[in-house]
Amino acid sequence: MRGRWKILIAGAAVTAGLYMQPYRIMRFNGESMAPTYKNGEMLLYTDNVDQVKKGDVVLVKTENGVIVKRVSHVPGDIILLTKVGPVWREAPASTKPLRLPSRWYRMPEGQIQVVGDNLGKSLDSRQFGSIPVSSVIGKVLDQRRNKQEWPGLSRFTWADNEVDFNG
């Protein structure tokens, strides 16, 4: 009998934990993450961001608002940079030797780089460089075309406002 109570209490705790997770829903606007996320799609995200990994799609607070991007480099990653004019940029993947000045760079602790999936339409770390991990305010978990595709939508909290994520 005591075992059943333990299982019941554990199950109730897990269920309560799932309902109390800080999930939010927001509408994505822009082309910078196409084809993964299309303009007008609804994104489910959590603001419980304890660890950011390479490949995660995150919401980043910038001085111009919030952007949605994919994490391309995390602390400790080693990146080959080439000098293009006065600016050092990540070298393109190639098997040919580089003819431009180049150097290796290690991502410092507390910094990440982010890029949009649609490289031609994205303002990201290729332009503004590394960002502090502390500027990540959410992690995208799922997407849907509209609200009706999510059963049990009432348990989620909508983001305070729709933000243009066109960066």
N, C-alpha and C. Protein backbone atom coordinates (compact mmCIF):
# COMPACT_ATOMS: atom_id res chain seq x y z
N MET A 1 0.82 -1.20 0.00
CA MET A 1 0.00 0.00 0.00
C MET A 1 0.87 1.27 0.00
N ARG A 2 1.97 1.24 0.78
CA ARG A 2 2.84 2.42 0.83
C ARG A 2 3.49 2.68 -0.53
N GLY A 3 3.80 1.63 -1.27
CA GLY A 3 4.40 1.77 -2.59
C GLY A 3 3.49 2.49 -3.56
N ARG A 4 2.17 2.20 -3.47
CA ARG A 4 1.21 2.86 -4.35
C ARG A 4 1.16 4.36 -4.07
N TRP A 5 1.20 4.73 -2.79
CA TRP A 5 1.18 6.14 -2.43
C TRP A 5 2.41 6.86 -2.96
N LYS A 6 3.56 6.20 -2.88
CA LYS A 6 4.78 6.81 -3.39
C LYS A 6 4.69 7.04 -4.89
N ILE A 7 4.16 6.05 -5.60
CA ILE A 7 4.00 6.18 -7.05
C ILE A 7 3.00 7.28 -7.38
N LEU A 8 1.89 7.33 -6.65
CA LEU A 8 0.87 8.35 -6.87
C LEU A 8 1.43 9.75 -6.61
N ILE A 9 2.16 9.91 -5.53
CA ILE A 9 2.73 11.23 -5.21
C ILE A 9 3.79 11.62 -6.24
N ALA A 10 4.63 10.67 -6.64
CA ALA A 10 5.64 10.96 -7.65
C ALA A 10 4.98 11.35 -8.98
N GLY A 11 3.94 10.64 -9.37
CA GLY A 11 3.22 10.96 -10.60
C GLY A 11 2.59 12.34 -10.54
N ALA A 12 2.00 12.68 -9.39
CA ALA A 12 1.40 14.00 -9.23
C ALA A 12 2.46 15.09 -9.31
N ALA A 13 3.62 14.84 -8.74
CA ALA A 13 4.70 15.84 -8.77
C ALA A 13 5.19 16.06 -10.20
N VAL A 14 5.35 14.99 -10.96
CA VAL A 14 5.79 15.12 -12.35
C VAL A 14 4.74 15.86 -13.16
N THR A 15 3.47 15.52 -12.98
CA THR A 15 2.40 16.19 -13.71
C THR A 15 2.36 17.67 -13.36
N ALA A 16 2.47 17.99 -12.09
CA ALA A 16 2.47 19.40 -11.67
C ALA A 16 3.66 20.13 -12.27
N GLY A 17 4.81 19.48 -12.30
CA GLY A 17 6.00 20.09 -12.88
C GLY A 17 5.83 20.40 -14.35
N LEU A 18 5.18 19.49 -15.09
CA LEU A 18 4.95 19.73 -16.50
C LEU A 18 4.03 20.92 -16.73
N TYR A 19 3.01 21.05 -15.90
CA TYR A 19 2.07 22.16 -16.06
C TYR A 19 2.65 23.48 -15.60
N MET A 20 3.66 23.45 -14.76
CA MET A 20 4.23 24.69 -14.24
C MET A 20 5.47 25.12 -15.01
N GLN A 21 5.84 24.39 -16.05
CA GLN A 21 6.99 24.79 -16.86
C GLN A 21 6.74 26.15 -17.48
N PRO A 22 7.75 26.95 -17.62
CA PRO A 22 7.58 28.29 -18.19
C PRO A 22 7.51 28.26 -19.72
N TYR A 23 6.44 27.66 -20.26
CA TYR A 23 6.28 27.62 -21.71
C TYR A 23 5.54 28.86 -22.18
N ARG A 24 5.89 29.32 -23.36
CA ARG A 24 5.26 30.48 -23.96
C ARG A 24 5.03 30.18 -25.44
N ILE A 25 4.09 30.90 -26.03
CA ILE A 25 3.83 30.78 -27.46
C ILE A 25 3.92 32.16 -28.06
N MET A 26 4.57 32.26 -29.21
CA MET A 26 4.66 33.53 -29.91
C MET A 26 4.62 33.28 -31.41
N ARG A 27 4.30 34.35 -32.11
CA ARG A 27 4.24 34.26 -33.58
C ARG A 27 5.58 34.73 -34.14
N PHE A 28 6.13 33.92 -35.04
CA PHE A 28 7.39 34.27 -35.69
C PHE A 28 7.10 35.10 -36.93
N ASN A 29 7.78 36.22 -37.06
CA ASN A 29 7.64 37.07 -38.24
C ASN A 29 9.01 37.27 -38.87
N GLY A 30 9.11 37.06 -40.16
CA GLY A 30 10.36 37.29 -40.86
C GLY A 30 10.78 36.11 -41.70
N GLU A 31 11.91 36.26 -42.37
CA GLU A 31 12.42 35.24 -43.29
C GLU A 31 13.77 34.68 -42.86
N SER A 32 14.33 35.18 -41.77
CA SER A 32 15.71 34.83 -41.42
C SER A 32 15.90 33.37 -41.01
N MET A 33 14.83 32.66 -40.64
CA MET A 33 14.94 31.26 -40.22
C MET A 33 14.28 30.30 -41.20
N ALA A 34 13.90 30.79 -42.39
CA ALA A 34 13.33 29.91 -43.41
C ALA A 34 14.41 28.95 -43.89
N PRO A 35 14.08 27.74 -44.24
CA PRO A 35 12.76 27.15 -44.30
C PRO A 35 12.29 26.51 -42.99
N THR A 36 13.12 26.55 -41.95
CA THR A 36 12.75 25.90 -40.69
C THR A 36 11.49 26.53 -40.09
N TYR A 37 11.49 27.85 -39.95
CA TYR A 37 10.34 28.57 -39.43
C TYR A 37 9.91 29.59 -40.47
N LYS A 38 8.63 29.52 -40.81
CA LYS A 38 8.10 30.40 -41.84
C LYS A 38 7.38 31.59 -41.19
N ASN A 39 7.28 32.65 -41.94
CA ASN A 39 6.60 33.86 -41.48
C ASN A 39 5.18 33.52 -41.03
N GLY A 40 4.81 33.93 -39.81
CA GLY A 40 3.47 33.71 -39.29
C GLY A 40 3.30 32.45 -38.47
N GLU A 41 4.28 31.55 -38.44
CA GLU A 41 4.16 30.33 -37.66
C GLU A 41 4.20 30.63 -36.17
N MET A 42 3.55 29.75 -35.40
CA MET A 42 3.53 29.87 -33.95
C MET A 42 4.68 29.04 -33.39
N LEU A 43 5.46 29.62 -32.47
CA LEU A 43 6.58 28.91 -31.86
C LEU A 43 6.30 28.69 -30.38
N LEU A 44 6.52 27.48 -29.93
CA LEU A 44 6.46 27.16 -28.50
C LEU A 44 7.89 27.26 -27.99
N TYR A 45 8.08 28.06 -26.94
CA TYR A 45 9.43 28.18 -26.38
C TYR A 45 9.36 28.18 -24.87
N THR A 46 10.50 27.95 -24.26
CA THR A 46 10.60 28.01 -22.81
C THR A 46 11.59 29.09 -22.44
N ASP A 47 11.30 29.78 -21.35
CA ASP A 47 12.27 30.77 -20.86
C ASP A 47 13.14 30.17 -19.76
N ASN A 48 13.04 28.86 -19.59
CA ASN A 48 13.89 28.13 -18.65
C ASN A 48 15.11 27.64 -19.42
N VAL A 49 16.09 28.53 -19.58
CA VAL A 49 17.27 28.23 -20.39
C VAL A 49 18.46 28.05 -19.46
N ASP A 50 18.73 26.81 -19.08
CA ASP A 50 19.85 26.57 -18.17
C ASP A 50 21.12 26.19 -18.93
N GLN A 51 20.99 25.67 -20.14
CA GLN A 51 22.15 25.28 -20.92
C GLN A 51 21.85 25.50 -22.40
N VAL A 52 22.79 26.11 -23.10
CA VAL A 52 22.64 26.36 -24.52
C VAL A 52 23.64 25.48 -25.26
N LYS A 53 23.13 24.70 -26.23
CA LYS A 53 23.99 23.79 -26.99
C LYS A 53 24.01 24.20 -28.46
N LYS A 54 25.07 23.79 -29.13
CA LYS A 54 25.18 24.04 -30.57
C LYS A 54 23.98 23.39 -31.26
N GLY A 55 23.32 24.13 -32.14
CA GLY A 55 22.15 23.62 -32.85
C GLY A 55 20.83 24.06 -32.25
N ASP A 56 20.83 24.50 -30.99
CA ASP A 56 19.59 24.99 -30.37
C ASP A 56 19.10 26.23 -31.10
N VAL A 57 17.78 26.37 -31.22
CA VAL A 57 17.20 27.61 -31.74
C VAL A 57 16.77 28.42 -30.52
N VAL A 58 17.30 29.64 -30.43
CA VAL A 58 17.12 30.44 -29.22
C VAL A 58 16.54 31.81 -29.54
N LEU A 59 15.93 32.42 -28.53
CA LEU A 59 15.49 33.80 -28.58
C LEU A 59 16.57 34.61 -27.89
N VAL A 60 17.05 35.65 -28.56
CA VAL A 60 18.13 36.47 -28.04
C VAL A 60 17.66 37.90 -27.91
N LYS A 61 17.86 38.47 -26.73
CA LYS A 61 17.51 39.88 -26.51
C LYS A 61 18.68 40.74 -26.98
N THR A 62 18.39 41.66 -27.90
CA THR A 62 19.39 42.59 -28.40
C THR A 62 18.94 44.00 -28.08
N GLU A 63 19.77 44.97 -28.35
CA GLU A 63 19.37 46.36 -28.09
C GLU A 63 18.26 46.82 -29.02
N ASN A 64 18.05 46.09 -30.13
CA ASN A 64 16.99 46.44 -31.08
C ASN A 64 15.74 45.58 -30.93
N GLY A 65 15.70 44.70 -29.94
CA GLY A 65 14.55 43.82 -29.75
C GLY A 65 14.99 42.39 -29.55
N VAL A 66 14.12 41.46 -29.95
CA VAL A 66 14.39 40.03 -29.77
C VAL A 66 14.53 39.39 -31.15
N ILE A 67 15.55 38.52 -31.29
CA ILE A 67 15.73 37.80 -32.55
C ILE A 67 15.71 36.29 -32.26
N VAL A 68 15.34 35.51 -33.26
CA VAL A 68 15.34 34.05 -33.18
C VAL A 68 16.43 33.54 -34.10
N LYS A 69 17.40 32.79 -33.55
CA LYS A 69 18.53 32.29 -34.33
C LYS A 69 18.95 30.92 -33.83
N ARG A 70 19.78 30.24 -34.63
CA ARG A 70 20.34 28.94 -34.27
C ARG A 70 21.75 29.15 -33.71
N VAL A 71 22.07 28.46 -32.62
CA VAL A 71 23.40 28.56 -32.02
C VAL A 71 24.39 27.83 -32.93
N SER A 72 25.41 28.55 -33.39
CA SER A 72 26.40 27.95 -34.29
C SER A 72 27.71 27.62 -33.58
N HIS A 73 28.05 28.38 -32.54
CA HIS A 73 29.29 28.14 -31.80
C HIS A 73 29.06 28.41 -30.33
N VAL A 74 29.66 27.57 -29.50
CA VAL A 74 29.53 27.68 -28.03
C VAL A 74 30.92 27.84 -27.42
N PRO A 75 30.99 28.21 -26.14
CA PRO A 75 32.30 28.39 -25.51
C PRO A 75 33.19 27.17 -25.70
N GLY A 76 34.45 27.44 -26.06
CA GLY A 76 35.43 26.38 -26.26
C GLY A 76 35.59 25.95 -27.71
N ASP A 77 34.61 26.26 -28.58
CA ASP A 77 34.73 25.91 -29.99
C ASP A 77 35.93 26.64 -30.60
N ILE A 78 36.61 25.97 -31.51
CA ILE A 78 37.73 26.59 -32.22
C ILE A 78 37.27 26.86 -33.64
N ILE A 79 37.47 28.11 -34.08
CA ILE A 79 36.96 28.58 -35.36
C ILE A 79 38.12 29.11 -36.18
N LEU A 80 38.15 28.78 -37.46
CA LEU A 80 39.15 29.33 -38.37
C LEU A 80 38.58 30.62 -38.96
N LEU A 81 39.29 31.72 -38.76
CA LEU A 81 38.87 33.02 -39.29
C LEU A 81 39.76 33.43 -40.45
N THR A 82 39.17 34.13 -41.42
CA THR A 82 39.96 34.71 -42.51
C THR A 82 39.69 36.21 -42.53
N LYS A 83 40.68 36.94 -43.01
CA LYS A 83 40.53 38.39 -43.08
C LYS A 83 39.96 38.76 -44.44
N VAL A 84 38.80 39.41 -44.41
CA VAL A 84 38.14 39.87 -45.63
C VAL A 84 38.08 41.38 -45.50
N GLY A 85 38.94 42.06 -46.21
CA GLY A 85 39.06 43.51 -46.03
C GLY A 85 39.57 43.78 -44.62
N PRO A 86 38.93 44.69 -43.91
CA PRO A 86 39.38 44.99 -42.54
C PRO A 86 38.76 44.07 -41.49
N VAL A 87 37.89 43.16 -41.90
CA VAL A 87 37.09 42.37 -40.95
C VAL A 87 37.53 40.90 -40.97
N TRP A 88 37.61 40.30 -39.77
CA TRP A 88 37.88 38.85 -39.65
C TRP A 88 36.55 38.12 -39.65
N ARG A 89 36.36 37.15 -40.52
CA ARG A 89 35.13 36.36 -40.62
C ARG A 89 35.46 34.88 -40.56
N GLU A 90 34.44 34.08 -40.22
CA GLU A 90 34.65 32.63 -40.21
C GLU A 90 34.95 32.15 -41.62
N ALA A 91 35.98 31.32 -41.73
CA ALA A 91 36.37 30.79 -43.04
C ALA A 91 35.33 29.80 -43.53
N PRO A 92 35.02 29.83 -44.82
CA PRO A 92 34.07 28.84 -45.35
C PRO A 92 34.68 27.44 -45.29
N ALA A 93 33.82 26.45 -45.15
CA ALA A 93 34.29 25.06 -45.13
C ALA A 93 34.82 24.72 -46.52
N SER A 94 36.05 24.25 -46.56
CA SER A 94 36.67 23.94 -47.85
C SER A 94 37.83 22.98 -47.63
N THR A 95 38.12 22.20 -48.65
CA THR A 95 39.28 21.31 -48.56
C THR A 95 40.50 21.97 -49.18
N LYS A 96 40.31 23.12 -49.85
CA LYS A 96 41.41 23.84 -50.47
C LYS A 96 42.12 24.71 -49.43
N PRO A 97 43.44 24.88 -49.57
CA PRO A 97 44.13 25.76 -48.64
C PRO A 97 43.69 27.21 -48.84
N LEU A 98 43.64 27.97 -47.74
CA LEU A 98 43.22 29.36 -47.81
C LEU A 98 44.36 30.23 -48.33
N ARG A 99 44.05 31.16 -49.20
CA ARG A 99 45.05 32.08 -49.71
C ARG A 99 44.94 33.44 -49.00
N LEU A 100 43.93 33.60 -48.16
CA LEU A 100 43.74 34.84 -47.42
C LEU A 100 44.42 34.71 -46.06
N PRO A 101 44.77 35.84 -45.43
CA PRO A 101 45.29 35.75 -44.06
C PRO A 101 44.27 35.04 -43.17
N SER A 102 44.75 34.13 -42.33
CA SER A 102 43.82 33.39 -41.47
C SER A 102 44.43 33.21 -40.08
N ARG A 103 43.56 32.90 -39.11
CA ARG A 103 43.99 32.62 -37.74
C ARG A 103 42.92 31.79 -37.05
N TRP A 104 43.33 31.09 -36.01
CA TRP A 104 42.41 30.29 -35.21
C TRP A 104 41.91 31.11 -34.06
N TYR A 105 40.66 30.87 -33.68
CA TYR A 105 40.03 31.62 -32.60
C TYR A 105 39.25 30.65 -31.72
N ARG A 106 39.40 30.75 -30.41
CA ARG A 106 38.63 29.92 -29.48
C ARG A 106 37.50 30.78 -28.88
N MET A 107 36.26 30.26 -28.97
CA MET A 107 35.12 30.98 -28.39
C MET A 107 35.33 31.09 -26.88
N PRO A 108 35.28 32.31 -26.35
CA PRO A 108 35.51 32.49 -24.91
C PRO A 108 34.32 32.02 -24.07
N GLU A 109 34.58 31.73 -22.82
CA GLU A 109 33.51 31.36 -21.88
C GLU A 109 32.49 32.49 -21.83
N GLY A 110 31.22 32.12 -21.74
CA GLY A 110 30.15 33.11 -21.62
C GLY A 110 29.72 33.74 -22.93
N GLN A 111 30.28 33.29 -24.06
CA GLN A 111 29.95 33.85 -25.37
C GLN A 111 29.47 32.74 -26.31
N ILE A 112 28.54 33.08 -27.20
CA ILE A 112 28.09 32.17 -28.25
C ILE A 112 27.98 32.94 -29.56
N GLN A 113 27.86 32.21 -30.64
CA GLN A 113 27.54 32.82 -31.93
C GLN A 113 26.26 32.20 -32.44
N VAL A 114 25.44 33.02 -33.10
CA VAL A 114 24.15 32.57 -33.62
C VAL A 114 24.04 32.95 -35.09
N VAL A 115 23.33 32.12 -35.86
CA VAL A 115 23.07 32.42 -37.27
C VAL A 115 21.62 32.07 -37.60
N GLY A 116 21.10 32.73 -38.63
CA GLY A 116 19.79 32.36 -39.15
C GLY A 116 19.94 31.22 -40.13
N ASP A 117 18.92 30.41 -40.27
CA ASP A 117 18.96 29.30 -41.23
C ASP A 117 18.96 29.80 -42.68
N ASN A 118 18.37 30.96 -42.91
CA ASN A 118 18.33 31.57 -44.24
C ASN A 118 19.46 32.60 -44.29
N LEU A 119 20.67 32.14 -44.60
CA LEU A 119 21.86 32.98 -44.50
C LEU A 119 21.78 34.27 -45.31
N GLY A 120 21.09 34.24 -46.44
CA GLY A 120 20.97 35.43 -47.27
C GLY A 120 20.05 36.50 -46.71
N LYS A 121 19.19 36.14 -45.75
CA LYS A 121 18.21 37.08 -45.21
C LYS A 121 18.38 37.29 -43.71
N SER A 122 19.52 36.90 -43.15
CA SER A 122 19.68 36.92 -41.71
C SER A 122 20.76 37.92 -41.26
N LEU A 123 20.41 38.71 -40.26
CA LEU A 123 21.37 39.55 -39.56
C LEU A 123 21.75 38.76 -38.31
N ASP A 124 23.03 38.36 -38.19
CA ASP A 124 23.42 37.45 -37.12
C ASP A 124 24.88 37.65 -36.74
N SER A 125 25.49 36.67 -36.09
CA SER A 125 26.86 36.81 -35.60
C SER A 125 27.87 37.04 -36.71
N ARG A 126 27.52 36.72 -37.93
CA ARG A 126 28.43 37.02 -39.04
C ARG A 126 28.61 38.52 -39.19
N GLN A 127 27.59 39.30 -38.78
CA GLN A 127 27.68 40.75 -38.85
C GLN A 127 28.03 41.37 -37.48
N PHE A 128 27.37 40.92 -36.41
CA PHE A 128 27.57 41.59 -35.12
C PHE A 128 28.47 40.84 -34.15
N GLY A 129 29.00 39.68 -34.54
CA GLY A 129 29.97 38.97 -33.71
C GLY A 129 29.32 38.12 -32.61
N SER A 130 30.15 37.74 -31.66
CA SER A 130 29.69 36.89 -30.55
C SER A 130 28.77 37.69 -29.64
N ILE A 131 27.92 36.94 -28.93
CA ILE A 131 27.00 37.57 -27.97
C ILE A 131 27.12 36.86 -26.63
N PRO A 132 26.78 37.55 -25.53
CA PRO A 132 26.82 36.89 -24.23
C PRO A 132 25.74 35.82 -24.11
N VAL A 133 26.08 34.69 -23.51
CA VAL A 133 25.09 33.64 -23.26
C VAL A 133 23.93 34.20 -22.45
N SER A 134 24.21 35.17 -21.59
CA SER A 134 23.16 35.75 -20.75
C SER A 134 22.09 36.50 -21.54
N SER A 135 22.36 36.80 -22.83
CA SER A 135 21.34 37.47 -23.64
C SER A 135 20.31 36.50 -24.21
N VAL A 136 20.53 35.19 -24.03
CA VAL A 136 19.54 34.19 -24.47
C VAL A 136 18.40 34.18 -23.47
N ILE A 137 17.19 34.47 -23.95
CA ILE A 137 16.03 34.55 -23.05
C ILE A 137 15.03 33.42 -23.27
N GLY A 138 15.27 32.56 -24.25
CA GLY A 138 14.35 31.46 -24.49
C GLY A 138 14.93 30.45 -25.47
N LYS A 139 14.33 29.26 -25.46
CA LYS A 139 14.74 28.19 -26.38
C LYS A 139 13.49 27.64 -27.05
N VAL A 140 13.49 27.59 -28.39
CA VAL A 140 12.34 27.12 -29.16
C VAL A 140 12.23 25.60 -29.03
N LEU A 141 11.01 25.13 -28.75
CA LEU A 141 10.77 23.70 -28.57
C LEU A 141 9.98 23.08 -29.71
N ASP A 142 9.05 23.85 -30.31
CA ASP A 142 8.15 23.28 -31.32
C ASP A 142 7.55 24.42 -32.13
N GLN A 143 6.92 24.08 -33.26
CA GLN A 143 6.26 25.08 -34.08
C GLN A 143 4.98 24.50 -34.67
N ARG A 144 4.03 25.37 -34.97
CA ARG A 144 2.78 25.01 -35.64
C ARG A 144 2.39 26.16 -36.55
N ARG A 145 1.57 25.85 -37.53
CA ARG A 145 1.11 26.90 -38.45
C ARG A 145 0.12 27.85 -37.78
N ASN A 146 -0.72 27.32 -36.89
CA ASN A 146 -1.70 28.19 -36.22
C ASN A 146 -2.04 27.64 -34.84
N LYS A 147 -2.77 28.42 -34.06
CA LYS A 147 -3.10 28.05 -32.67
C LYS A 147 -3.92 26.78 -32.58
N GLN A 148 -4.78 26.53 -33.56
CA GLN A 148 -5.68 25.38 -33.50
C GLN A 148 -4.93 24.05 -33.57
N GLU A 149 -3.70 24.03 -34.03
CA GLU A 149 -2.94 22.80 -34.13
C GLU A 149 -2.37 22.34 -32.79
N TRP A 150 -2.51 23.16 -31.73
CA TRP A 150 -1.99 22.79 -30.42
C TRP A 150 -3.14 22.42 -29.49
N PRO A 151 -3.31 21.14 -29.15
CA PRO A 151 -4.33 20.79 -28.17
C PRO A 151 -3.88 21.27 -26.79
N GLY A 152 -4.83 21.66 -25.96
CA GLY A 152 -4.50 22.10 -24.60
C GLY A 152 -3.79 23.43 -24.58
N LEU A 153 -4.08 24.30 -25.55
CA LEU A 153 -3.40 25.57 -25.67
C LEU A 153 -3.59 26.46 -24.44
N SER A 154 -4.66 26.28 -23.72
CA SER A 154 -4.96 27.16 -22.59
C SER A 154 -3.91 27.08 -21.48
N ARG A 155 -3.14 26.00 -21.41
CA ARG A 155 -2.16 25.89 -20.33
C ARG A 155 -0.87 26.66 -20.62
N PHE A 156 -0.74 27.18 -21.86
CA PHE A 156 0.44 27.94 -22.21
C PHE A 156 0.19 29.43 -22.04
N THR A 157 1.24 30.17 -21.82
CA THR A 157 1.16 31.62 -21.70
C THR A 157 1.64 32.24 -23.00
N TRP A 158 0.85 33.18 -23.51
CA TRP A 158 1.26 33.87 -24.72
C TRP A 158 2.31 34.90 -24.37
N ALA A 159 3.26 35.10 -25.26
CA ALA A 159 4.24 36.17 -25.08
C ALA A 159 3.48 37.48 -25.02
N ASP A 160 4.01 38.44 -24.27
CA ASP A 160 3.31 39.71 -24.05
C ASP A 160 2.93 40.42 -25.34
N ASN A 161 3.78 40.32 -26.33
CA ASN A 161 3.49 40.98 -27.59
C ASN A 161 4.16 40.20 -28.72
N GLU A 162 3.67 40.45 -29.90
CA GLU A 162 4.31 39.82 -31.04
C GLU A 162 5.50 40.67 -31.44
N VAL A 163 6.62 40.04 -31.63
CA VAL A 163 7.84 40.75 -31.95
C VAL A 163 8.24 40.40 -33.37
N ASP A 164 8.73 41.38 -34.08
CA ASP A 164 9.22 41.12 -35.43
C ASP A 164 10.62 40.54 -35.32
N PHE A 165 10.78 39.30 -35.73
CA PHE A 165 12.05 38.59 -35.62
C PHE A 165 12.75 38.58 -36.97
N ASN A 166 12.71 39.68 -37.66
CA ASN A 166 13.24 39.72 -39.01
C ASN A 166 14.75 39.88 -39.06
N GLY A 167 15.41 39.95 -37.88
CA GLY A 167 16.86 40.15 -37.87
C GLY A 167 17.62 38.97 -38.35
